[in-house]
């Protein structure tokens, strides 16, 4: 679809919505729902290499100046090096940044491996980190619920939060029975202040995501919304990670901006954007500055017969997102309303729009 036509169509939809839905809402005396604030996600960095060499340059001051721009950074667990310089960098960095140490759960069912994993978690706690990043934590990596919960509970017992990377986040959020991985339907140990990660966020377009056999990005969006809802029920936060395409110039910022817009549309809590082929590089140290408004005045709404386009209305703008899978194409943008909605307008969104 031509971008100009798309923008005109969304603008027209928003205008009709304001002209016709608002009078109806006021006439029918529909109660005003409580407005949800637009809270930008925090800036997250996945940094798995040495803290002593950031962007190929050594030095404590350089490392702090580079990684200190972020709110939360995933780093190697502190026991992997005895370098005094790295310890000093870690101590200074954690004064203003939440640090999560990396631990892989891939072999969590092997008793002798569990001993090593727990030793790493202990070192992370002793170093004063905020939490532990548990990778490869889903059923697809053969991590059963009981072993998962035991690891999470162990981290919690040391005062740590956890961030979970599972390709299907419902594996660690839902309490339903899985014949192999959770035959008793044991509830998850995740709780208030923990995180789940949506990896390959902006470009993802696979099938079987979150247990649904339907492919295509439009179904992924529905699953993203499902993950966000499940997480909120438990007080768990949701972070995103999008990789810059290797074939695209670093000058091209479109996916970086659009992935942040998508995270804001979904009301997610953390946002990361980087390169999968070179994690010791930090090409972008600040978040894009986007003016989208202060409050959401609508839920996430699908438009179009194929459900490949979504909008969300704030007090100042319409945020839109479009996904096409063949050929793969992702676009997003902001259309200013030209007016500022007021709290009394919130009742018009109780009219049954499809989430």
Foldseek 3Di string as FASTA:
>chain_A
DDPVVVLVVVLVVVVCLVVPLQVVLVVVVFDFDDWDWQDFAFEEAEFEDQLQAFQNDGDLVVSCVQQVLGAEYEYAQVVPDPDPSSLVSLVVSVVRHAYAHEDECLPLVDVVVVVVRLVSLVSNLVSPHQAYEYEQQACVSVHAQVSSQVVCVSSVVSVHAYEYEDQACCRQQFQDADVRRRNPSHHHNHAAPHEYEHEQPQQDWAACHNNHRDTGVLVVLVSLLVSCVSCVVRNYAYEYEHADDPVDDPVDCFSLQVSSLSCSLSSGHYYYYYHPVDSSYDPDSHHDDDDQETTWLEHWAFDDPVSQKIWTHYQFWIWIWGFDVVVTDIHIDIGTSVGGDDSSSSSSRVPDGDD
